N, C-alpha and C. Protein backbone atom coordinates (compact mmCIF):
# COMPACT_ATOMS: atom_id res chain seq x y z
N MET A 1 -3.38 10.80 -11.22
CA MET A 1 -4.25 9.58 -11.70
C MET A 1 -5.37 9.51 -10.86
N SER A 2 -6.57 9.29 -11.47
CA SER A 2 -7.76 9.11 -10.92
C SER A 2 -7.91 7.67 -10.20
N TYR A 3 -8.89 7.44 -9.37
CA TYR A 3 -9.34 6.29 -8.79
C TYR A 3 -9.59 5.30 -9.97
N LYS A 4 -10.44 5.61 -10.86
CA LYS A 4 -10.82 4.92 -11.96
C LYS A 4 -9.67 4.45 -12.92
N GLU A 5 -8.68 5.51 -13.05
CA GLU A 5 -7.48 5.24 -13.93
C GLU A 5 -6.64 4.19 -13.38
N PHE A 6 -6.68 4.41 -11.95
CA PHE A 6 -5.86 3.38 -11.23
C PHE A 6 -6.18 1.90 -11.19
N LYS A 7 -7.58 1.93 -11.01
CA LYS A 7 -8.30 0.52 -11.06
C LYS A 7 -8.01 -0.17 -12.30
N ALA A 8 -8.42 0.82 -13.51
CA ALA A 8 -8.04 0.18 -14.81
C ALA A 8 -6.74 -0.30 -15.06
N SER A 9 -5.68 0.28 -14.52
CA SER A 9 -4.24 -0.07 -14.77
C SER A 9 -3.89 -1.21 -14.21
N LEU A 10 -4.83 -1.84 -13.26
CA LEU A 10 -4.48 -3.06 -12.64
C LEU A 10 -4.63 -4.33 -13.56
N THR A 11 -5.14 -4.05 -14.75
CA THR A 11 -5.14 -5.14 -15.82
C THR A 11 -3.85 -5.32 -16.55
N ALA A 12 -2.88 -4.34 -16.41
CA ALA A 12 -1.62 -4.28 -17.08
C ALA A 12 -0.69 -5.05 -16.15
N ALA A 13 0.44 -5.58 -17.18
CA ALA A 13 1.46 -6.31 -16.54
C ALA A 13 2.52 -5.50 -15.63
N ALA A 14 2.39 -4.23 -15.97
CA ALA A 14 3.38 -3.45 -15.08
C ALA A 14 2.75 -2.02 -14.88
N PRO A 15 3.03 -1.38 -13.82
CA PRO A 15 2.47 -0.07 -13.45
C PRO A 15 2.76 1.03 -14.40
N PRO A 16 1.88 1.96 -14.78
CA PRO A 16 2.14 2.94 -15.82
C PRO A 16 3.43 3.85 -15.41
N SER A 17 4.05 4.27 -16.35
CA SER A 17 5.51 4.68 -16.17
C SER A 17 5.17 6.21 -15.43
N ASP A 18 4.15 6.79 -15.54
CA ASP A 18 3.88 8.07 -15.07
C ASP A 18 3.19 8.18 -13.71
N MET A 19 3.08 6.72 -13.06
CA MET A 19 2.70 6.65 -11.73
C MET A 19 3.60 7.01 -10.77
N GLY A 20 3.14 7.77 -9.57
CA GLY A 20 4.06 8.15 -8.57
C GLY A 20 4.78 6.88 -7.74
N LEU A 21 5.65 7.07 -7.06
CA LEU A 21 6.17 5.80 -6.09
C LEU A 21 5.18 5.35 -5.20
N LEU A 22 4.53 6.08 -4.45
CA LEU A 22 3.41 5.56 -3.60
C LEU A 22 2.45 4.86 -4.23
N GLN A 23 1.96 5.36 -5.39
CA GLN A 23 1.02 4.53 -6.16
C GLN A 23 1.37 3.48 -6.62
N SER A 24 2.85 3.34 -7.18
CA SER A 24 3.38 2.25 -7.72
C SER A 24 3.41 1.18 -6.59
N GLY A 25 3.82 1.61 -5.34
CA GLY A 25 3.74 0.58 -4.13
C GLY A 25 2.34 -0.07 -3.99
N LEU A 26 1.46 0.97 -3.90
CA LEU A 26 -0.03 0.35 -4.03
C LEU A 26 -0.46 -0.44 -4.98
N TRP A 27 0.12 -0.12 -6.21
CA TRP A 27 -0.30 -1.03 -7.47
C TRP A 27 0.11 -2.48 -7.12
N HIS A 28 1.43 -2.49 -6.78
CA HIS A 28 1.98 -3.75 -6.51
C HIS A 28 1.39 -4.56 -5.37
N ALA A 29 0.96 -3.92 -4.42
CA ALA A 29 0.15 -4.60 -3.28
C ALA A 29 -1.11 -4.93 -3.92
N ALA A 30 -1.88 -4.22 -4.70
CA ALA A 30 -3.06 -4.58 -5.37
C ALA A 30 -2.91 -5.66 -6.25
N LYS A 31 -1.89 -5.97 -6.88
CA LYS A 31 -1.47 -7.09 -7.67
C LYS A 31 -1.10 -8.26 -6.99
N GLY A 32 -0.94 -8.31 -5.73
CA GLY A 32 -0.34 -9.27 -4.96
C GLY A 32 0.96 -9.37 -4.88
N ASN A 33 1.91 -8.57 -5.58
CA ASN A 33 3.29 -8.76 -5.51
C ASN A 33 3.95 -7.86 -4.35
N TRP A 34 3.77 -8.61 -3.07
CA TRP A 34 4.10 -8.19 -1.91
C TRP A 34 5.52 -7.66 -1.70
N GLU A 35 6.53 -8.46 -2.46
CA GLU A 35 7.88 -8.04 -2.46
C GLU A 35 8.10 -6.83 -3.16
N ALA A 36 7.44 -6.61 -4.21
CA ALA A 36 7.78 -5.20 -4.94
C ALA A 36 7.24 -4.20 -3.96
N ALA A 37 5.90 -4.26 -3.65
CA ALA A 37 5.35 -3.11 -2.61
C ALA A 37 6.32 -2.94 -1.39
N HIS A 38 6.68 -3.98 -0.90
CA HIS A 38 7.50 -3.91 0.51
C HIS A 38 8.69 -3.08 0.02
N GLU A 39 9.26 -3.43 -1.11
CA GLU A 39 10.60 -2.66 -1.41
C GLU A 39 10.35 -1.17 -1.49
N VAL A 40 9.33 -0.73 -2.16
CA VAL A 40 8.71 0.69 -2.40
C VAL A 40 8.77 1.38 -0.97
N ALA A 41 7.94 0.59 -0.01
CA ALA A 41 7.78 0.90 1.32
C ALA A 41 9.05 1.16 1.94
N GLN A 42 9.90 0.35 2.08
CA GLN A 42 11.13 0.29 2.74
C GLN A 42 12.04 1.34 2.16
N ASP A 43 11.95 1.57 0.87
CA ASP A 43 12.88 2.72 0.35
C ASP A 43 12.46 4.01 0.74
N HIS A 44 11.29 4.19 1.28
CA HIS A 44 10.89 5.48 1.72
C HIS A 44 10.43 5.49 3.29
N GLU A 45 11.17 4.65 4.03
CA GLU A 45 10.79 4.43 5.46
C GLU A 45 11.05 5.79 6.00
N GLY A 46 10.26 6.20 6.86
CA GLY A 46 9.98 7.39 7.64
C GLY A 46 9.15 8.62 7.19
N GLU A 47 8.63 8.21 5.93
CA GLU A 47 7.60 9.09 5.37
C GLU A 47 6.35 8.47 5.71
N ARG A 48 5.39 9.20 6.12
CA ARG A 48 4.17 8.64 6.77
C ARG A 48 3.55 7.99 5.68
N ASP A 49 3.00 8.32 4.50
CA ASP A 49 2.13 7.50 3.69
C ASP A 49 3.03 6.09 3.42
N PHE A 50 4.15 6.13 3.24
CA PHE A 50 5.01 4.99 3.00
C PHE A 50 4.96 4.07 4.07
N ASP A 51 5.02 4.54 5.22
CA ASP A 51 4.96 3.67 6.48
C ASP A 51 3.67 3.21 6.71
N ARG A 52 2.58 3.92 6.26
CA ARG A 52 1.04 3.43 6.27
C ARG A 52 1.16 2.05 5.41
N LEU A 53 1.41 2.28 4.22
CA LEU A 53 1.58 1.20 3.02
C LEU A 53 2.34 -0.09 3.83
N HIS A 54 3.47 0.41 4.50
CA HIS A 54 4.26 -0.62 4.99
C HIS A 54 3.52 -1.53 6.15
N ALA A 55 2.74 -0.57 6.96
CA ALA A 55 1.94 -1.42 7.78
C ALA A 55 0.92 -2.27 7.21
N TYR A 56 0.18 -1.96 6.18
CA TYR A 56 -0.71 -2.57 5.56
C TYR A 56 -0.01 -3.81 5.03
N LEU A 57 0.94 -3.82 4.47
CA LEU A 57 1.72 -5.02 3.97
C LEU A 57 1.95 -6.05 4.97
N HIS A 58 2.43 -5.55 6.18
CA HIS A 58 2.80 -6.50 7.23
C HIS A 58 1.69 -7.13 7.73
N ARG A 59 0.50 -6.50 7.67
CA ARG A 59 -0.74 -6.80 8.02
C ARG A 59 -1.31 -8.02 7.16
N VAL A 60 -1.24 -7.75 6.07
CA VAL A 60 -1.53 -8.85 4.82
C VAL A 60 -0.67 -9.88 5.07
N GLU A 61 0.52 -9.93 5.38
CA GLU A 61 1.53 -11.05 5.71
C GLU A 61 1.12 -11.69 6.97
N GLY A 62 0.44 -11.24 7.83
CA GLY A 62 -0.07 -11.99 8.90
C GLY A 62 1.14 -11.67 10.14
N ASP A 63 1.71 -10.75 9.79
CA ASP A 63 2.71 -10.21 11.09
C ASP A 63 2.04 -9.06 11.67
N GLU A 64 1.37 -9.43 12.65
CA GLU A 64 0.49 -8.24 13.39
C GLU A 64 1.22 -7.41 14.32
N TRP A 65 2.40 -7.98 15.04
CA TRP A 65 3.32 -7.25 15.63
C TRP A 65 3.89 -6.15 14.66
N ASN A 66 4.59 -6.64 13.66
CA ASN A 66 5.37 -5.70 12.95
C ASN A 66 4.37 -4.61 12.27
N ALA A 67 3.12 -5.19 11.79
CA ALA A 67 2.12 -4.28 11.43
C ALA A 67 1.75 -3.16 12.41
N GLY A 68 1.61 -3.53 13.66
CA GLY A 68 1.35 -2.54 14.54
C GLY A 68 2.31 -1.40 14.67
N TYR A 69 3.82 -1.80 14.79
CA TYR A 69 4.71 -1.01 14.80
C TYR A 69 4.73 -0.10 13.70
N TRP A 70 4.30 -0.28 12.34
CA TRP A 70 4.28 0.55 11.23
C TRP A 70 3.13 1.41 11.31
N TYR A 71 2.06 0.93 11.75
CA TYR A 71 0.75 1.83 12.07
C TYR A 71 1.22 2.95 12.98
N ARG A 72 1.90 2.54 14.03
CA ARG A 72 2.18 3.56 14.92
C ARG A 72 3.07 4.58 14.26
N ARG A 73 4.12 4.10 13.52
CA ARG A 73 5.08 5.01 12.93
C ARG A 73 4.19 6.03 11.84
N ALA A 74 3.22 5.30 11.28
CA ALA A 74 2.36 6.18 10.30
C ALA A 74 1.46 7.07 11.16
N GLY A 75 1.32 7.05 12.35
CA GLY A 75 0.42 7.86 13.25
C GLY A 75 -0.96 7.32 13.24
N THR A 76 -1.04 6.18 13.22
CA THR A 76 -2.52 5.60 13.11
C THR A 76 -2.41 4.24 13.92
N THR A 77 -3.82 3.77 14.00
CA THR A 77 -3.83 2.34 14.49
C THR A 77 -4.24 1.30 13.45
N MET A 78 -4.29 0.08 13.75
CA MET A 78 -4.57 -1.03 12.86
C MET A 78 -6.15 -0.80 12.53
N PRO A 79 -6.71 -0.76 11.45
CA PRO A 79 -7.83 -0.55 11.07
C PRO A 79 -8.86 -1.87 11.56
N VAL A 80 -10.06 -1.55 11.63
CA VAL A 80 -10.92 -2.95 12.22
C VAL A 80 -11.43 -3.36 10.87
N GLN A 81 -11.44 -2.66 9.80
CA GLN A 81 -11.91 -3.37 8.26
C GLN A 81 -11.07 -4.36 8.07
N SER A 82 -11.44 -5.12 7.16
CA SER A 82 -10.64 -6.37 6.45
C SER A 82 -9.59 -5.77 5.84
N PRO A 83 -8.51 -6.56 5.59
CA PRO A 83 -7.46 -6.07 4.56
C PRO A 83 -7.78 -5.67 3.34
N GLU A 84 -8.96 -6.61 2.82
CA GLU A 84 -9.36 -6.20 1.43
C GLU A 84 -10.01 -4.65 1.50
N GLU A 85 -10.72 -4.47 2.35
CA GLU A 85 -11.38 -3.05 2.60
C GLU A 85 -10.25 -2.02 2.87
N GLU A 86 -9.42 -2.31 3.58
CA GLU A 86 -8.25 -1.41 3.84
C GLU A 86 -7.65 -1.10 2.56
N LEU A 87 -7.30 -2.06 1.72
CA LEU A 87 -6.68 -1.69 0.44
C LEU A 87 -7.52 -0.85 -0.26
N GLU A 88 -8.75 -1.15 -0.46
CA GLU A 88 -9.60 -0.39 -1.22
C GLU A 88 -9.54 1.04 -0.65
N SER A 89 -9.64 1.28 0.69
CA SER A 89 -9.57 2.57 1.29
C SER A 89 -8.08 3.45 0.95
N LEU A 90 -7.26 2.63 0.82
CA LEU A 90 -5.86 3.29 0.55
C LEU A 90 -5.74 3.55 -0.94
N ILE A 91 -6.33 2.83 -1.74
CA ILE A 91 -6.57 3.28 -3.29
C ILE A 91 -7.43 4.23 -3.56
N GLN A 92 -8.51 4.62 -2.79
CA GLN A 92 -9.33 5.67 -2.99
C GLN A 92 -8.61 7.04 -2.24
N ARG A 93 -7.79 6.94 -1.42
CA ARG A 93 -7.01 7.83 -0.68
C ARG A 93 -6.06 8.49 -1.56
N TRP A 94 -5.17 7.33 -2.05
CA TRP A 94 -3.99 7.82 -2.89
C TRP A 94 -3.92 7.80 -4.48
N ALA A 95 -4.98 7.24 -4.85
CA ALA A 95 -5.18 7.09 -6.53
C ALA A 95 -5.26 8.64 -7.18
C-alpha cells in the first residue's frame, strides 16, 4: 500500500481488508482509536516495529515513562518532534 492509498483509506470506517497488521495498527492510531491500535501493538510485543508503534501510543496517551520503555525496546529514543509529526513520519515509513 502506498502512502497516498493509506491516507485515502482514512476516510473509511474500517481499515482495508488487505492491509497488513502493522499498517492496521497505524491506521487505528491515525483514526484516534487508541484501544484498537494498542491491541495490535500488544499482540506483537517483541517485534521492533510493533514496539515502536506501542511507544508512540503511550506517548500520545501521555504516559512518557511507559513510552520511554517501549522506545528503548524498539531500539530508539523518544523523538523531539510533536506526536502529530511522529505519526506522519510513521505513516510515511510503513505505508
